[in-house]
């Protein structure tokens, strides 16, 4: 947890070798989100150190439901362990509050 990226062994670099070559990967879409009118569920992990646990505070959609989860970016994941239960609760709440 306290390691720097330079301290870690280089593993699978396939994603970064492709993704970072796509121009939109690093584009800031925050201004464009102001024009989106659909309901948006934005769930984030309060232990997500890849983007930062406070990243959600920079994001704004006019019709947004924010849901904090006790997760990291990938581990623990919203898709494994207790994550699916938290994710299901977030989805039910979103559907109820947005009239879906």
C-alpha atoms as a PDB file:
ATOM      1  CA  UNK A   1       0.000   0.000   0.000  1.00  0.00           C
ATOM      2  CA  UNK A   2       2.873   2.388   0.640  1.00  0.00           C
ATOM      3  CA  UNK A   3       4.851   1.420  -2.446  1.00  0.00           C
ATOM      4  CA  UNK A   4       5.498   3.782  -5.320  1.00  0.00           C
ATOM      5  CA  UNK A   5       4.721   2.672  -8.856  1.00  0.00           C
ATOM      6  CA  UNK A   6       8.463   2.632  -9.610  1.00  0.00           C
ATOM      7  CA  UNK A   7       8.953   0.098  -6.776  1.00  0.00           C
ATOM      8  CA  UNK A   8       6.566  -2.423  -8.317  1.00  0.00           C
ATOM      9  CA  UNK A   9       7.610  -5.012 -10.886  1.00  0.00           C
ATOM     10  CA  UNK A  10       6.372  -4.340 -14.396  1.00  0.00           C
ATOM     11  CA  UNK A  11       3.529  -6.735 -15.078  1.00  0.00           C
ATOM     12  CA  UNK A  12       0.897  -6.665 -17.765  1.00  0.00           C
ATOM     13  CA  UNK A  13       1.533  -3.552 -19.829  1.00  0.00           C
ATOM     14  CA  UNK A  14      -0.824  -4.519 -22.669  1.00  0.00           C
ATOM     15  CA  UNK A  15      -3.619  -2.200 -21.544  1.00  0.00           C
ATOM     16  CA  UNK A  16      -1.468   0.866 -21.035  1.00  0.00           C
ATOM     17  CA  UNK A  17       0.366   0.361 -24.312  1.00  0.00           C
ATOM     18  CA  UNK A  18      -2.979   0.586 -26.125  1.00  0.00           C
ATOM     19  CA  UNK A  19      -5.127   2.815 -23.903  1.00  0.00           C
ATOM     20  CA  UNK A  20      -2.680   5.653 -23.439  1.00  0.00           C
ATOM     21  CA  UNK A  21      -2.251   5.815 -27.199  1.00  0.00           C
ATOM     22  CA  UNK A  22      -5.936   6.670 -27.640  1.00  0.00           C
ATOM     23  CA  UNK A  23      -6.367  10.436 -27.592  1.00  0.00           C
ATOM     24  CA  UNK A  24      -9.615  10.414 -25.606  1.00  0.00           C
ATOM     25  CA  UNK A  25      -8.146   8.273 -22.815  1.00  0.00           C
ATOM     26  CA  UNK A  26      -6.620  11.279 -21.076  1.00  0.00           C
ATOM     27  CA  UNK A  27      -9.202  13.842 -22.205  1.00  0.00           C
ATOM     28  CA  UNK A  28     -11.035  15.766 -19.499  1.00  0.00           C
ATOM     29  CA  UNK A  29     -14.759  15.193 -20.074  1.00  0.00           C
ATOM     30  CA  UNK A  30     -15.925  17.076 -16.955  1.00  0.00           C
ATOM     31  CA  UNK A  31     -17.230  20.119 -18.894  1.00  0.00           C
ATOM     32  CA  UNK A  32     -19.135  17.888 -21.317  1.00  0.00           C
ATOM     33  CA  UNK A  33     -20.895  16.094 -18.455  1.00  0.00           C
ATOM     34  CA  UNK A  34     -22.778  19.318 -17.657  1.00  0.00           C
ATOM     35  CA  UNK A  35     -24.810  18.856 -20.853  1.00  0.00           C
ATOM     36  CA  UNK A  36     -25.879  15.261 -20.231  1.00  0.00           C
ATOM     37  CA  UNK A  37     -29.515  15.108 -19.159  1.00  0.00           C
ATOM     38  CA  UNK A  38     -29.972  11.384 -18.488  1.00  0.00           C
ATOM     39  CA  UNK A  39     -29.940   9.930 -14.979  1.00  0.00           C
ATOM     40  CA  UNK A  40     -26.430   8.922 -13.912  1.00  0.00           C
ATOM     41  CA  UNK A  41     -25.386   6.619 -11.090  1.00  0.00           C
ATOM     42  CA  UNK A  42     -21.859   7.539 -10.025  1.00  0.00           C
ATOM     43  CA  UNK A  43     -20.518   5.029  -7.544  1.00  0.00           C
ATOM     44  CA  UNK A  44     -17.022   5.314  -6.209  1.00  0.00           C
ATOM     45  CA  UNK A  45     -14.767   3.534  -3.764  1.00  0.00           C
ATOM     46  CA  UNK A  46     -13.695   5.400  -0.666  1.00  0.00           C
ATOM     47  CA  UNK A  47     -10.458   3.358  -0.853  1.00  0.00           C
ATOM     48  CA  UNK A  48      -9.831   3.914  -4.573  1.00  0.00           C
ATOM     49  CA  UNK A  49      -6.258   5.146  -4.613  1.00  0.00           C
ATOM     50  CA  UNK A  50      -5.914   4.870  -8.418  1.00  0.00           C
ATOM     51  CA  UNK A  51      -8.096   7.924  -9.069  1.00  0.00           C
ATOM     52  CA  UNK A  52      -8.345   9.117  -5.474  1.00  0.00           C
ATOM     53  CA  UNK A  53     -11.224   8.634  -3.050  1.00  0.00           C
ATOM     54  CA  UNK A  54     -12.282  12.287  -3.475  1.00  0.00           C
ATOM     55  CA  UNK A  55     -12.354  12.192  -7.285  1.00  0.00           C
ATOM     56  CA  UNK A  56     -16.161  12.025  -7.196  1.00  0.00           C
ATOM     57  CA  UNK A  57     -16.270  15.614  -5.872  1.00  0.00           C
ATOM     58  CA  UNK A  58     -14.969  16.885  -9.232  1.00  0.00           C
ATOM     59  CA  UNK A  59     -17.668  15.098 -11.232  1.00  0.00           C
ATOM     60  CA  UNK A  60     -21.043  16.669 -11.894  1.00  0.00           C
ATOM     61  CA  UNK A  61     -23.976  15.529 -13.988  1.00  0.00           C
ATOM     62  CA  UNK A  62     -27.226  17.524 -13.726  1.00  0.00           C
ATOM     63  CA  UNK A  63     -29.219  14.403 -12.804  1.00  0.00           C
ATOM     64  CA  UNK A  64     -26.693  12.422 -10.763  1.00  0.00           C
ATOM     65  CA  UNK A  65     -26.998  10.032  -7.835  1.00  0.00           C
ATOM     66  CA  UNK A  66     -23.695   9.582  -5.969  1.00  0.00           C
ATOM     67  CA  UNK A  67     -23.103   6.383  -4.024  1.00  0.00           C
ATOM     68  CA  UNK A  68     -20.004   5.709  -1.925  1.00  0.00           C
ATOM     69  CA  UNK A  69     -18.902   2.101  -1.605  1.00  0.00           C
ATOM     70  CA  UNK A  70     -16.408   0.642   0.851  1.00  0.00           C
ATOM     71  CA  UNK A  71     -14.202  -0.497  -2.039  1.00  0.00           C
ATOM     72  CA  UNK A  72     -10.969   0.146  -3.818  1.00  0.00           C
ATOM     73  CA  UNK A  73     -10.507   0.507  -7.582  1.00  0.00           C
ATOM     74  CA  UNK A  74     -10.013  -3.181  -8.250  1.00  0.00           C
ATOM     75  CA  UNK A  75      -9.603  -4.821  -4.877  1.00  0.00           C
ATOM     76  CA  UNK A  76     -11.927  -5.198  -3.185  1.00  0.00           C
ATOM     77  CA  UNK A  77     -14.030  -4.888  -6.289  1.00  0.00           C
ATOM     78  CA  UNK A  78     -17.717  -4.062  -6.715  1.00  0.00           C
ATOM     79  CA  UNK A  79     -17.944  -7.278  -8.714  1.00  0.00           C
ATOM     80  CA  UNK A  80     -16.516  -9.807  -6.211  1.00  0.00           C
ATOM     81  CA  UNK A  81     -16.842 -10.590  -2.502  1.00  0.00           C
ATOM     82  CA  UNK A  82     -19.423  -8.376  -0.781  1.00  0.00           C
ATOM     83  CA  UNK A  83     -19.164  -5.929  -3.670  1.00  0.00           C
ATOM     84  CA  UNK A  84     -22.100  -7.307  -5.662  1.00  0.00           C
ATOM     85  CA  UNK A  85     -24.379  -6.778  -2.641  1.00  0.00           C
ATOM     86  CA  UNK A  86     -23.288  -3.150  -2.286  1.00  0.00           C
ATOM     87  CA  UNK A  87     -23.551  -2.631  -6.031  1.00  0.00           C
ATOM     88  CA  UNK A  88     -27.068  -4.147  -6.080  1.00  0.00           C
ATOM     89  CA  UNK A  89     -28.149  -1.825  -3.233  1.00  0.00           C
ATOM     90  CA  UNK A  90     -26.739   1.170  -5.130  1.00  0.00           C
ATOM     91  CA  UNK A  91     -28.575   0.139  -8.308  1.00  0.00           C
ATOM     92  CA  UNK A  92     -31.884  -0.382  -6.485  1.00  0.00           C
ATOM     93  CA  UNK A  93     -31.569   3.038  -4.820  1.00  0.00           C
ATOM     94  CA  UNK A  94     -30.712   4.654  -8.159  1.00  0.00           C
ATOM     95  CA  UNK A  95     -33.652   3.051  -9.931  1.00  0.00           C
ATOM     96  CA  UNK A  96     -36.034   4.082  -7.159  1.00  0.00           C
ATOM     97  CA  UNK A  97     -34.848   7.708  -6.942  1.00  0.00           C
ATOM     98  CA  UNK A  98     -34.647   8.236 -10.703  1.00  0.00           C
ATOM     99  CA  UNK A  99     -38.040   6.692 -11.439  1.00  0.00           C
ATOM    100  CA  UNK A 100     -36.729   3.760 -13.470  1.00  0.00           C
END
